[in-house]
């Protein structure tokens, strides 16, 4: 009590102002809390409604016309019944060797004569060219060896002819004319 008496008027006014502001602030907070509670209650009700809708969904009605599909299936079933009910056909085994195809003959000829035939001709040409070059090389070696041998014989003949006397030359000339 002594504190009440000690407070003077300006201090009392200030304390009263502060208390009024605190009371006003408390009232605002209480109002905000009440608004939050009502909003939460509304949201809880909405959530309950959504749960009810999820638990009991409305059936989806799909209107599809399956008549044409049924007709196709029925036709297929009747065709199968006819095939099964008809007389069985004898199985004919056909064994044949085809040199040329029954279908796509134009494509076959294009491949055979356009690619294979050209490849075959090129391989044959390369093989013949190789054989000719090997044969020509062997012939050239033989000719060269014969020329060397003939050259030796000619040089020996001319050497002997140059060193012989008249009688030896006559004898060599007669041997040369008999060899022709």
N, C-alpha and C. Protein backbone atom coordinates (compact mmCIF):
# COMPACT_ATOMS: atom_id res chain seq x y z
N UNK A 1 0.79 -1.17 0.00
CA UNK A 1 0.00 0.00 0.00
C UNK A 1 0.84 1.25 0.00
N UNK A 2 1.92 1.09 0.51
CA UNK A 2 2.77 2.25 0.55
C UNK A 2 3.21 2.65 -0.86
N UNK A 3 3.30 1.70 -1.73
CA UNK A 3 3.73 2.01 -3.08
C UNK A 3 2.65 2.80 -3.81
N UNK A 4 1.35 2.56 -3.44
CA UNK A 4 0.28 3.27 -4.12
C UNK A 4 0.31 4.73 -3.71
N UNK A 5 0.59 4.96 -2.49
CA UNK A 5 0.61 6.32 -2.00
C UNK A 5 1.83 7.06 -2.51
N UNK A 6 2.87 6.36 -2.77
CA UNK A 6 4.09 7.01 -3.19
C UNK A 6 4.01 7.44 -4.65
N UNK A 7 3.19 6.82 -5.48
CA UNK A 7 3.12 7.14 -6.89
C UNK A 7 2.43 8.49 -7.06
N UNK A 8 2.96 9.27 -7.84
CA UNK A 8 2.31 10.56 -8.09
C UNK A 8 1.46 10.48 -9.35
N UNK A 9 0.79 11.50 -9.68
CA UNK A 9 -0.19 11.50 -10.76
C UNK A 9 0.42 11.17 -12.12
N UNK A 10 1.51 11.76 -12.52
CA UNK A 10 2.03 11.39 -13.85
C UNK A 10 2.43 9.93 -13.92
N UNK A 11 2.95 9.41 -12.87
CA UNK A 11 3.34 8.00 -12.89
C UNK A 11 2.11 7.13 -12.93
N UNK A 12 1.05 7.53 -12.17
CA UNK A 12 -0.20 6.77 -12.19
C UNK A 12 -0.76 6.76 -13.60
N UNK A 13 -0.73 7.90 -14.25
CA UNK A 13 -1.27 8.00 -15.60
C UNK A 13 -0.49 7.09 -16.55
N UNK A 14 0.79 7.08 -16.38
CA UNK A 14 1.63 6.26 -17.24
C UNK A 14 1.36 4.79 -17.00
N UNK A 15 1.21 4.37 -15.72
CA UNK A 15 0.94 2.98 -15.38
C UNK A 15 -0.42 2.60 -15.91
N UNK A 16 -1.40 3.48 -15.78
CA UNK A 16 -2.74 3.20 -16.29
C UNK A 16 -2.71 3.06 -17.80
N UNK A 17 -1.97 3.88 -18.48
CA UNK A 17 -1.86 3.79 -19.94
C UNK A 17 -1.24 2.47 -20.36
N UNK A 18 -0.20 2.06 -19.66
CA UNK A 18 0.46 0.79 -19.97
C UNK A 18 -0.49 -0.35 -19.72
N UNK A 19 -1.22 -0.31 -18.60
CA UNK A 19 -2.18 -1.36 -18.28
C UNK A 19 -3.30 -1.41 -19.31
N UNK A 20 -3.76 -0.26 -19.76
CA UNK A 20 -4.81 -0.24 -20.78
C UNK A 20 -4.30 -0.85 -22.08
N UNK A 21 -3.06 -0.51 -22.46
CA UNK A 21 -2.47 -1.07 -23.70
C UNK A 21 -2.32 -2.58 -23.58
N UNK A 22 -1.90 -3.06 -22.42
CA UNK A 22 -1.76 -4.50 -22.21
C UNK A 22 -3.12 -5.18 -22.27
N UNK A 23 -4.14 -4.53 -21.69
CA UNK A 23 -5.49 -5.11 -21.71
C UNK A 23 -5.99 -5.16 -23.15
N UNK A 24 -5.74 -4.09 -23.92
CA UNK A 24 -6.16 -4.04 -25.32
C UNK A 24 -5.45 -5.13 -26.13
N UNK A 25 -4.16 -5.27 -25.89
CA UNK A 25 -3.36 -6.29 -26.59
C UNK A 25 -3.86 -7.68 -26.22
N UNK A 26 -4.21 -7.90 -24.95
CA UNK A 26 -4.74 -9.19 -24.49
C UNK A 26 -6.07 -9.47 -25.17
N UNK A 27 -6.90 -8.45 -25.32
CA UNK A 27 -8.20 -8.61 -25.97
C UNK A 27 -8.00 -8.98 -27.44
N UNK A 28 -7.04 -8.32 -28.12
CA UNK A 28 -6.73 -8.64 -29.54
C UNK A 28 -6.23 -10.08 -29.67
N UNK A 29 -5.37 -10.50 -28.77
CA UNK A 29 -4.84 -11.87 -28.81
C UNK A 29 -5.97 -12.88 -28.59
N UNK A 30 -6.87 -12.58 -27.65
CA UNK A 30 -7.98 -13.48 -27.37
C UNK A 30 -8.87 -13.59 -28.60
N UNK A 31 -9.14 -12.47 -29.28
CA UNK A 31 -9.95 -12.46 -30.48
C UNK A 31 -9.28 -13.28 -31.58
N UNK A 32 -7.96 -13.13 -31.77
CA UNK A 32 -7.22 -13.87 -32.80
C UNK A 32 -7.26 -15.36 -32.51
N UNK A 33 -7.16 -15.74 -31.23
CA UNK A 33 -7.20 -17.16 -30.85
C UNK A 33 -8.57 -17.72 -31.14
N UNK A 34 -9.61 -16.96 -30.85
CA UNK A 34 -10.97 -17.43 -31.11
C UNK A 34 -11.18 -17.59 -32.61
N UNK A 35 -10.67 -16.65 -33.42
CA UNK A 35 -10.78 -16.76 -34.88
C UNK A 35 -10.04 -18.01 -35.38
N UNK A 36 -8.86 -18.29 -34.83
CA UNK A 36 -8.10 -19.48 -35.22
C UNK A 36 -8.85 -20.75 -34.88
N UNK A 37 -9.49 -20.77 -33.69
CA UNK A 37 -10.24 -21.96 -33.28
C UNK A 37 -11.42 -22.18 -34.21
N UNK A 38 -12.14 -21.12 -34.56
CA UNK A 38 -13.29 -21.29 -35.48
C UNK A 38 -12.81 -21.73 -36.86
N UNK A 39 -11.70 -21.19 -37.32
CA UNK A 39 -11.15 -21.61 -38.63
C UNK A 39 -10.75 -23.07 -38.59
N UNK A 40 -10.11 -23.50 -37.51
CA UNK A 40 -9.72 -24.90 -37.39
C UNK A 40 -10.94 -25.81 -37.36
N UNK A 41 -11.98 -25.40 -36.65
CA UNK A 41 -13.20 -26.20 -36.61
C UNK A 41 -13.82 -26.31 -37.99
N UNK A 42 -13.84 -25.20 -38.73
CA UNK A 42 -14.36 -25.23 -40.10
C UNK A 42 -13.52 -26.17 -40.98
N UNK A 43 -12.20 -26.08 -40.86
CA UNK A 43 -11.30 -26.95 -41.65
C UNK A 43 -11.49 -28.40 -41.27
N UNK A 44 -11.68 -28.69 -39.99
CA UNK A 44 -11.90 -30.07 -39.56
C UNK A 44 -13.18 -30.60 -40.17
N UNK A 45 -14.22 -29.77 -40.24
CA UNK A 45 -15.47 -30.18 -40.87
C UNK A 45 -15.27 -30.46 -42.35
N UNK A 46 -14.50 -29.62 -43.02
CA UNK A 46 -14.22 -29.81 -44.45
C UNK A 46 -13.42 -31.09 -44.66
N UNK A 47 -12.47 -31.36 -43.80
CA UNK A 47 -11.67 -32.58 -43.90
C UNK A 47 -12.55 -33.80 -43.70
N UNK A 48 -13.48 -33.73 -42.77
CA UNK A 48 -14.39 -34.86 -42.54
C UNK A 48 -15.25 -35.10 -43.79
N UNK A 49 -15.72 -34.03 -44.42
CA UNK A 49 -16.51 -34.18 -45.64
C UNK A 49 -15.68 -34.84 -46.74
N UNK A 50 -14.41 -34.40 -46.89
CA UNK A 50 -13.53 -34.99 -47.91
C UNK A 50 -13.26 -36.46 -47.62
N UNK A 51 -13.06 -36.81 -46.36
CA UNK A 51 -12.85 -38.21 -45.99
C UNK A 51 -14.07 -39.04 -46.35
N UNK A 52 -15.25 -38.47 -46.10
CA UNK A 52 -16.48 -39.17 -46.45
C UNK A 52 -16.58 -39.39 -47.95
N UNK A 53 -16.19 -38.39 -48.75
CA UNK A 53 -16.23 -38.52 -50.21
C UNK A 53 -15.21 -39.55 -50.69
N UNK A 54 -14.06 -39.58 -50.04
CA UNK A 54 -13.03 -40.55 -50.43
C UNK A 54 -13.46 -41.96 -50.07
N UNK A 55 -14.04 -42.13 -48.89
CA UNK A 55 -14.48 -43.46 -48.46
C UNK A 55 -15.62 -43.98 -49.32
N UNK A 56 -16.50 -43.11 -49.75
CA UNK A 56 -17.66 -43.52 -50.55
C UNK A 56 -17.61 -42.77 -51.88
N UNK A 57 -16.77 -43.22 -52.82
CA UNK A 57 -16.69 -42.49 -54.10
C UNK A 57 -17.93 -42.75 -54.95
N UNK A 58 -18.22 -41.81 -55.80
CA UNK A 58 -19.35 -41.96 -56.71
C UNK A 58 -18.91 -42.89 -57.85
N UNK A 59 -19.76 -43.79 -58.27
CA UNK A 59 -19.38 -44.67 -59.36
C UNK A 59 -19.26 -43.89 -60.67
N UNK A 60 -18.23 -44.26 -61.47
CA UNK A 60 -18.00 -43.61 -62.75
C UNK A 60 -18.77 -44.38 -63.80
N UNK A 61 -19.59 -43.69 -64.51
CA UNK A 61 -20.40 -44.33 -65.54
C UNK A 61 -19.73 -44.08 -66.89
N UNK A 62 -19.30 -45.18 -67.54
CA UNK A 62 -18.66 -45.09 -68.84
C UNK A 62 -19.63 -45.66 -69.87
N UNK A 63 -19.94 -44.88 -70.82
CA UNK A 63 -20.86 -45.33 -71.87
C UNK A 63 -20.02 -45.65 -73.10
N UNK A 64 -19.73 -46.93 -73.32
CA UNK A 64 -18.94 -47.35 -74.48
C UNK A 64 -19.80 -48.28 -75.32
N UNK A 65 -19.71 -48.10 -76.61
CA UNK A 65 -20.48 -48.93 -77.52
C UNK A 65 -19.61 -50.10 -77.95
N UNK A 66 -19.87 -51.27 -77.42
CA UNK A 66 -19.08 -52.46 -77.74
C UNK A 66 -19.73 -53.32 -78.81
N UNK A 67 -20.76 -52.80 -79.45
CA UNK A 67 -21.48 -53.56 -80.48
C UNK A 67 -20.60 -53.97 -81.65
N UNK A 68 -19.83 -53.04 -82.27
CA UNK A 68 -18.99 -53.42 -83.41
C UNK A 68 -17.93 -54.45 -83.03
N UNK A 69 -17.38 -54.33 -81.84
CA UNK A 69 -16.36 -55.29 -81.40
C UNK A 69 -16.98 -56.67 -81.23
N UNK A 70 -18.19 -56.70 -80.65
CA UNK A 70 -18.89 -57.99 -80.47
C UNK A 70 -19.17 -58.63 -81.84
N UNK A 71 -19.58 -57.81 -82.81
CA UNK A 71 -19.85 -58.34 -84.15
C UNK A 71 -18.59 -58.94 -84.77
N UNK A 72 -17.47 -58.26 -84.63
CA UNK A 72 -16.20 -58.77 -85.18
C UNK A 72 -15.82 -60.08 -84.50
N UNK A 73 -15.98 -60.13 -83.18
CA UNK A 73 -15.63 -61.35 -82.45
C UNK A 73 -16.56 -62.49 -82.85
N UNK A 74 -17.86 -62.20 -82.95
CA UNK A 74 -18.81 -63.24 -83.36
C UNK A 74 -18.51 -63.74 -84.76
N UNK A 75 -18.17 -62.84 -85.67
CA UNK A 75 -17.81 -63.25 -87.03
C UNK A 75 -16.57 -64.14 -87.01
N UNK A 76 -15.56 -63.75 -86.22
CA UNK A 76 -14.34 -64.57 -86.11
C UNK A 76 -14.64 -65.95 -85.55
N UNK A 77 -15.51 -66.02 -84.55
CA UNK A 77 -15.88 -67.31 -83.95
C UNK A 77 -16.60 -68.18 -84.97
N UNK A 78 -17.54 -67.58 -85.73
CA UNK A 78 -18.25 -68.37 -86.75
C UNK A 78 -17.31 -68.83 -87.84
N UNK A 79 -16.35 -67.98 -88.23
CA UNK A 79 -15.34 -68.40 -89.23
C UNK A 79 -14.53 -69.58 -88.72
N UNK A 80 -14.14 -69.53 -87.44
CA UNK A 80 -13.36 -70.64 -86.87
C UNK A 80 -14.19 -71.91 -86.83
N UNK A 81 -15.49 -71.77 -86.51
CA UNK A 81 -16.36 -72.96 -86.49
C UNK A 81 -16.48 -73.56 -87.88
N UNK A 82 -16.60 -72.70 -88.90
CA UNK A 82 -16.68 -73.20 -90.27
C UNK A 82 -15.39 -73.90 -90.69
N UNK A 83 -14.27 -73.34 -90.32
CA UNK A 83 -12.97 -73.94 -90.68
C UNK A 83 -12.81 -75.29 -90.00
N UNK A 84 -13.15 -75.34 -88.72
CA UNK A 84 -13.02 -76.59 -87.97
C UNK A 84 -14.02 -77.63 -88.49
N UNK A 85 -15.23 -77.18 -88.82
CA UNK A 85 -16.26 -78.10 -89.26
C UNK A 85 -16.09 -78.57 -90.69
N UNK A 86 -15.35 -77.85 -91.49
CA UNK A 86 -15.18 -78.25 -92.90
C UNK A 86 -14.27 -79.46 -93.00
N UNK A 87 -14.26 -80.03 -94.19
CA UNK A 87 -13.48 -81.23 -94.45
C UNK A 87 -11.98 -80.90 -94.34
N UNK A 88 -11.21 -81.73 -93.65
CA UNK A 88 -9.78 -81.44 -93.54
C UNK A 88 -9.10 -81.63 -94.90
N UNK A 89 -8.23 -80.72 -95.20
CA UNK A 89 -7.50 -80.78 -96.46
C UNK A 89 -6.26 -81.64 -96.28
N UNK A 90 -5.93 -82.45 -97.28
CA UNK A 90 -4.71 -83.25 -97.15
C UNK A 90 -3.48 -82.34 -97.22
N UNK A 91 -2.51 -82.69 -96.43
CA UNK A 91 -1.26 -81.91 -96.39
C UNK A 91 -0.35 -82.44 -97.48
N UNK A 92 0.04 -81.58 -98.37
CA UNK A 92 0.93 -81.95 -99.47
C UNK A 92 2.31 -81.38 -99.15
N UNK A 93 3.26 -82.27 -99.08
CA UNK A 93 4.63 -81.83 -98.84
C UNK A 93 5.30 -81.63 -100.19
N UNK A 94 5.81 -80.48 -100.36
CA UNK A 94 6.40 -80.11 -101.64
C UNK A 94 7.88 -79.85 -101.41
N UNK A 95 8.70 -80.67 -102.04
CA UNK A 95 10.15 -80.51 -101.91
C UNK A 95 10.65 -80.04 -103.27
N UNK A 96 11.31 -78.90 -103.27
CA UNK A 96 11.82 -78.38 -104.52
C UNK A 96 13.08 -77.56 -104.26
N UNK A 97 13.88 -77.51 -105.27
CA UNK A 97 15.09 -76.70 -105.22
C UNK A 97 14.90 -75.58 -106.24
N UNK A 98 14.91 -74.40 -105.78
CA UNK A 98 14.70 -73.26 -106.66
C UNK A 98 16.02 -72.58 -106.98
N UNK A 99 16.28 -72.45 -108.27
CA UNK A 99 17.45 -71.68 -108.68
C UNK A 99 17.11 -70.20 -108.72
N UNK A 100 15.85 -69.93 -108.99
CA UNK A 100 15.39 -68.55 -109.05
C UNK A 100 14.16 -68.43 -108.17
N UNK A 101 13.98 -67.31 -107.50
CA UNK A 101 12.86 -67.18 -106.57
C UNK A 101 11.51 -67.04 -107.28
N UNK A 102 10.47 -67.49 -106.62
CA UNK A 102 9.12 -67.34 -107.16
C UNK A 102 8.62 -65.92 -107.00
N UNK A 103 9.05 -65.26 -105.93
CA UNK A 103 8.62 -63.89 -105.66
C UNK A 103 9.83 -62.99 -105.66
N UNK A 104 9.62 -61.76 -105.95
CA UNK A 104 10.68 -60.74 -105.97
C UNK A 104 11.81 -61.11 -106.91
N UNK A 105 11.46 -61.59 -108.10
CA UNK A 105 12.48 -61.98 -109.08
C UNK A 105 13.30 -60.78 -109.53
N UNK A 106 12.66 -59.63 -109.66
CA UNK A 106 13.36 -58.43 -110.11
C UNK A 106 14.48 -58.06 -109.13
N UNK A 107 14.17 -58.11 -107.85
CA UNK A 107 15.18 -57.81 -106.82
C UNK A 107 16.30 -58.84 -106.86
N UNK A 108 15.92 -60.12 -107.04
CA UNK A 108 16.93 -61.18 -107.10
C UNK A 108 17.88 -60.94 -108.26
N UNK A 109 17.34 -60.65 -109.45
CA UNK A 109 18.19 -60.42 -110.62
C UNK A 109 19.05 -59.18 -110.43
N UNK A 110 18.50 -58.18 -109.79
CA UNK A 110 19.27 -56.96 -109.53
C UNK A 110 20.47 -57.28 -108.65
N UNK A 111 20.25 -58.09 -107.62
CA UNK A 111 21.34 -58.45 -106.71
C UNK A 111 22.35 -59.35 -107.42
N UNK A 112 21.84 -60.38 -108.12
CA UNK A 112 22.75 -61.35 -108.75
C UNK A 112 23.56 -60.70 -109.85
N UNK A 113 22.88 -60.05 -110.79
CA UNK A 113 23.61 -59.51 -111.94
C UNK A 113 24.23 -58.15 -111.65
N UNK A 114 23.75 -57.48 -110.66
CA UNK A 114 24.30 -56.17 -110.35
C UNK A 114 25.49 -56.24 -109.43
N UNK A 115 25.46 -57.16 -108.50
CA UNK A 115 26.53 -57.20 -107.50
C UNK A 115 27.38 -58.47 -107.63
N UNK A 116 26.73 -59.62 -107.58
CA UNK A 116 27.48 -60.88 -107.59
C UNK A 116 28.20 -61.07 -108.91
N UNK A 117 27.51 -60.82 -110.01
CA UNK A 117 28.10 -61.03 -111.32
C UNK A 117 29.30 -60.11 -111.51
N UNK A 118 29.14 -58.85 -111.12
CA UNK A 118 30.24 -57.90 -111.23
C UNK A 118 31.40 -58.33 -110.34
N UNK A 119 31.11 -58.78 -109.14
CA UNK A 119 32.18 -59.25 -108.24
C UNK A 119 32.87 -60.47 -108.81
N UNK A 120 32.10 -61.39 -109.40
CA UNK A 120 32.67 -62.58 -110.00
C UNK A 120 33.58 -62.23 -111.17
N UNK A 121 33.14 -61.30 -112.02
CA UNK A 121 33.94 -60.88 -113.17
C UNK A 121 35.22 -60.21 -112.69
N UNK A 122 35.12 -59.36 -111.67
CA UNK A 122 36.32 -58.70 -111.14
C UNK A 122 37.30 -59.72 -110.55
N UNK A 123 36.79 -60.70 -109.81
CA UNK A 123 37.69 -61.71 -109.24
C UNK A 123 38.36 -62.52 -110.35
N UNK A 124 37.60 -62.87 -111.39
CA UNK A 124 38.16 -63.62 -112.51
C UNK A 124 39.21 -62.80 -113.23
N UNK A 125 38.93 -61.53 -113.44
CA UNK A 125 39.89 -60.65 -114.11
C UNK A 125 41.16 -60.49 -113.28
N UNK A 126 41.01 -60.32 -111.98
CA UNK A 126 42.19 -60.19 -111.11
C UNK A 126 42.99 -61.49 -111.10
N UNK A 127 42.31 -62.64 -111.08
CA UNK A 127 43.01 -63.94 -111.11
C UNK A 127 43.78 -64.12 -112.41
N UNK A 128 43.13 -63.80 -113.54
CA UNK A 128 43.81 -63.93 -114.84
C UNK A 128 44.99 -62.97 -114.93
N UNK A 129 44.81 -61.75 -114.44
CA UNK A 129 45.90 -60.78 -114.46
C UNK A 129 47.08 -61.26 -113.61
N UNK A 130 46.79 -61.87 -112.47
CA UNK A 130 47.84 -62.41 -111.61
C UNK A 130 48.58 -63.56 -112.32
N UNK A 131 47.81 -64.49 -112.90
CA UNK A 131 48.44 -65.61 -113.63
C UNK A 131 49.29 -65.10 -114.78
N UNK A 132 48.79 -64.12 -115.53
CA UNK A 132 49.55 -63.57 -116.65
C UNK A 132 50.83 -62.92 -116.16
N UNK A 133 50.73 -62.15 -115.07
CA UNK A 133 51.93 -61.46 -114.57
C UNK A 133 52.96 -62.46 -114.06
N UNK A 134 52.52 -63.52 -113.39
CA UNK A 134 53.47 -64.54 -112.91
C UNK A 134 54.11 -65.26 -114.09
N UNK A 135 53.29 -65.63 -115.09
CA UNK A 135 53.81 -66.33 -116.28
C UNK A 135 54.77 -65.42 -117.05
N UNK A 136 54.41 -64.16 -117.23
CA UNK A 136 55.26 -63.22 -117.95
C UNK A 136 56.58 -63.01 -117.21
N UNK A 137 56.53 -62.92 -115.89
CA UNK A 137 57.75 -62.75 -115.10
C UNK A 137 58.66 -63.97 -115.24
N UNK A 138 58.06 -65.17 -115.18
CA UNK A 138 58.87 -66.38 -115.35
C UNK A 138 59.48 -66.43 -116.74
N UNK A 139 58.71 -66.06 -117.76
CA UNK A 139 59.24 -66.06 -119.13
C UNK A 139 60.38 -65.07 -119.28
N UNK A 140 60.22 -63.90 -118.68
CA UNK A 140 61.28 -62.90 -118.76
C UNK A 140 62.56 -63.39 -118.10
N UNK A 141 62.44 -64.11 -116.99
CA UNK A 141 63.62 -64.66 -116.33
C UNK A 141 64.30 -65.69 -117.22
N UNK A 142 63.48 -66.55 -117.87
CA UNK A 142 64.07 -67.56 -118.76
C UNK A 142 64.76 -66.92 -119.94
N UNK A 143 64.11 -65.90 -120.54
CA UNK A 143 64.72 -65.21 -121.68
C UNK A 143 66.02 -64.57 -121.26
N UNK A 144 66.02 -63.95 -120.14
CA UNK A 144 67.24 -63.29 -119.66
C UNK A 144 68.36 -64.31 -119.45
N UNK A 145 68.02 -65.48 -118.84
CA UNK A 145 69.04 -66.53 -118.62
C UNK A 145 69.55 -67.06 -119.95
N UNK A 146 68.67 -67.28 -120.94
CA UNK A 146 69.09 -67.78 -122.25
C UNK A 146 69.97 -66.75 -122.96
N UNK A 147 69.59 -65.46 -122.84
CA UNK A 147 70.42 -64.42 -123.46
C UNK A 147 71.81 -64.40 -122.85
N UNK A 148 71.87 -64.56 -121.50
CA UNK A 148 73.19 -64.60 -120.86
C UNK A 148 74.00 -65.80 -121.35
N UNK A 149 73.33 -66.94 -121.48
CA UNK A 149 74.02 -68.15 -121.94
C UNK A 149 74.48 -67.99 -123.39
N UNK A 150 73.57 -67.46 -124.24
CA UNK A 150 73.93 -67.25 -125.64
C UNK A 150 75.04 -66.23 -125.78
N UNK A 151 75.01 -65.21 -124.95
CA UNK A 151 76.05 -64.19 -124.99
C UNK A 151 77.40 -64.79 -124.63
N UNK A 152 77.41 -65.69 -123.64
CA UNK A 152 78.66 -66.36 -123.27
C UNK A 152 79.18 -67.22 -124.42
N UNK A 153 78.23 -67.93 -125.06
CA UNK A 153 78.64 -68.80 -126.17
C UNK A 153 79.19 -67.96 -127.32
N UNK A 154 78.52 -66.84 -127.63
CA UNK A 154 78.99 -65.97 -128.73
C UNK A 154 80.37 -65.41 -128.42
N UNK A 155 80.55 -64.95 -127.19
CA UNK A 155 81.87 -64.39 -126.84
C UNK A 155 82.96 -65.46 -126.92
N UNK A 156 82.58 -66.69 -126.44
CA UNK A 156 83.58 -67.78 -126.55
C UNK A 156 83.88 -68.10 -128.01
N UNK A 157 82.83 -68.12 -128.84
CA UNK A 157 83.01 -68.42 -130.28
C UNK A 157 83.90 -67.38 -130.93
N UNK A 158 83.58 -66.08 -130.65
CA UNK A 158 84.41 -65.02 -131.26
C UNK A 158 85.82 -65.03 -130.72
N UNK A 159 85.99 -65.39 -129.49
CA UNK A 159 87.34 -65.48 -128.92
C UNK A 159 88.14 -66.58 -129.62
N UNK A 160 87.52 -67.75 -129.78
CA UNK A 160 88.20 -68.85 -130.47
C UNK A 160 88.45 -68.50 -131.93
N UNK A 161 87.44 -67.86 -132.56
CA UNK A 161 87.57 -67.50 -133.97
C UNK A 161 88.70 -66.50 -134.16
N UNK A 162 88.86 -65.60 -133.21
CA UNK A 162 89.91 -64.60 -133.31
C UNK A 162 91.29 -65.17 -133.04
N UNK A 163 91.40 -66.25 -132.28
CA UNK A 163 92.70 -66.81 -131.92
C UNK A 163 93.10 -68.01 -132.78
N UNK A 164 92.26 -68.45 -133.63
CA UNK A 164 92.58 -69.60 -134.48
C UNK A 164 93.28 -69.11 -135.75
N UNK A 165 93.88 -70.05 -136.34
CA UNK A 165 94.53 -69.75 -137.62
C UNK A 165 93.51 -69.92 -138.74
N UNK A 166 94.01 -69.90 -140.02
CA UNK A 166 93.12 -70.02 -141.16
C UNK A 166 92.43 -71.36 -141.18
N UNK A 167 93.12 -72.42 -140.89
CA UNK A 167 92.53 -73.77 -140.92
C UNK A 167 91.47 -73.89 -139.81
N UNK A 168 91.72 -73.35 -138.66
CA UNK A 168 90.77 -73.41 -137.56
C UNK A 168 89.52 -72.59 -137.87
N UNK A 169 89.72 -71.46 -138.60
CA UNK A 169 88.58 -70.62 -138.94
C UNK A 169 87.70 -71.33 -139.97
N UNK A 170 88.36 -71.99 -140.95
CA UNK A 170 87.59 -72.72 -141.96
C UNK A 170 86.79 -73.83 -141.29
N UNK A 171 87.42 -74.51 -140.41
CA UNK A 171 86.73 -75.59 -139.70
C UNK A 171 85.55 -75.02 -138.88
N UNK A 172 85.75 -73.88 -138.23
CA UNK A 172 84.68 -73.26 -137.45
C UNK A 172 83.57 -72.77 -138.37
N UNK A 173 83.90 -72.20 -139.53
CA UNK A 173 82.89 -71.73 -140.48
C UNK A 173 82.06 -72.89 -141.02
N UNK A 174 82.72 -74.04 -141.31
CA UNK A 174 81.97 -75.19 -141.81
C UNK A 174 81.05 -75.74 -140.70
N UNK A 175 81.48 -75.72 -139.45
CA UNK A 175 80.65 -76.19 -138.34
C UNK A 175 79.46 -75.24 -138.18
N UNK A 176 79.69 -73.94 -138.37
CA UNK A 176 78.61 -72.95 -138.23
C UNK A 176 77.59 -73.13 -139.32
N UNK A 177 78.05 -73.36 -140.56
CA UNK A 177 77.11 -73.52 -141.68
C UNK A 177 76.35 -74.86 -141.57
N UNK A 178 76.94 -75.89 -140.99
CA UNK A 178 76.23 -77.17 -140.81
C UNK A 178 75.18 -77.07 -139.70
N UNK A 179 75.39 -76.18 -138.72
CA UNK A 179 74.46 -76.09 -137.60
C UNK A 179 73.17 -75.35 -137.98
N UNK A 180 73.19 -74.62 -139.10
CA UNK A 180 71.98 -73.86 -139.49
C UNK A 180 71.01 -74.73 -140.12
